[in-house]
Amino acid sequence: MSITVQQITEAFETWQTEDEKFVNGNGAAGTRARKALQEISKLVKARRAEISEEKNARKEVKTTVWSIVGVFTPYFFNLLQMIIKSSKIFNNKIFKLSDNLNYETIDTKLEKITIIENFYEDIDLVLSELNKLPITLTYEYLENNITFFDGRKCYMENMKGTEIPYTEHLIKLVSKIIKYPSEFINIQENILINCFRYTDKMKYNLDEYYYSIHRDPINGYYGQKKQVAIVLFLNKHYNDGEGLNFYMPFNLSEKKKDNFVYKKDVEINYFVQAKCNRAVLFDSSLLHGQHTPTHQFKSEMRYTQVIFCPLS
């Protein structure tokens, strides 16, 4: 297959993906679909010129429309006859760390935390892939999925094509940030997305209570001594005040009621404002949890990706 034909195939797949998004209501995808069609048109002309040049080189006088059509038909036919459209299949290769990410490490009253900007290379493509992930409930409370929703979208790493594809890049980044030998840093490779939304009928008012303050336990998968967690914000927009809280130590078992803690009973150590494609790296033993004070997530789902990095 020539390079031009391969480019036509890729452009056709891009058009399929963006056209389907446009049909489903994504206006910006319409622009990308038109651009893909223009690219196909340009590439078809280029391929026609290649064919003519090659045929002339072979001293073949007759060039028919059918010979040109015959070059493209098998490839377009194969694309159109796919059992499942490529746009429907989860593509973990979309999840690429940005070469232009930057970070800042902050000293809090307790441990250091690091804020990473521009985590993914193409956040829009990542967000489009999230719709293909299955979703399930995290906690089996009676109210879950009635007065609020607390769940996860997840693929486990034991299935080919579903694991995080950037482990080596991420290990180097974590090693550089926390100054820890890369050979002792591991990555739990499942793609894990936390999902949260609530209603006015939620048992506890989020103006008065914090939801899901927790530590992420060390599970001992790698005989690790410690664990670093990364939380990545995945909504396109966040109101001021939406984000992630870190708390001063307190007895969680005494203060927590149905996964809620009264705000006046705890002290915030540090707050990170949420921003699309911003990540926070921290010691997973720190008490932390979502901060959702503005009612934004009554009308939309809150998405965060979580990555655990055990240190052995």
Foldseek 3Di string as FASTA:
>chain_A
DDPLLVLLLVLVLLLVLLVVVVVVPDVVSVVVNVVSVVVNVVSLVVVVVVVVVVCVVVVNDDDDPVVSCVVNVVSVVCQVPDPDHPSLDQALVQFAFAPPKDKDWDDFPPHIKMKIARGGNDLVVVLSNQVNFDKDAPDPDVCDVPQKHKIKGKDAPVDPRFWNPCFVVVLVVVCVVVVDDSVQKDWRTMWMKIKIFGHPPPPDDLLFKFAQWDFDDDPCPPPFPFKKKKKAWRDQDDDPFWFKFFWDDDDCVVQDDPRIGGPVVTGTGDTDTHHHRMMMMDTRRTTMHTGDNPNPRNVHMTMMIMMMMGGD
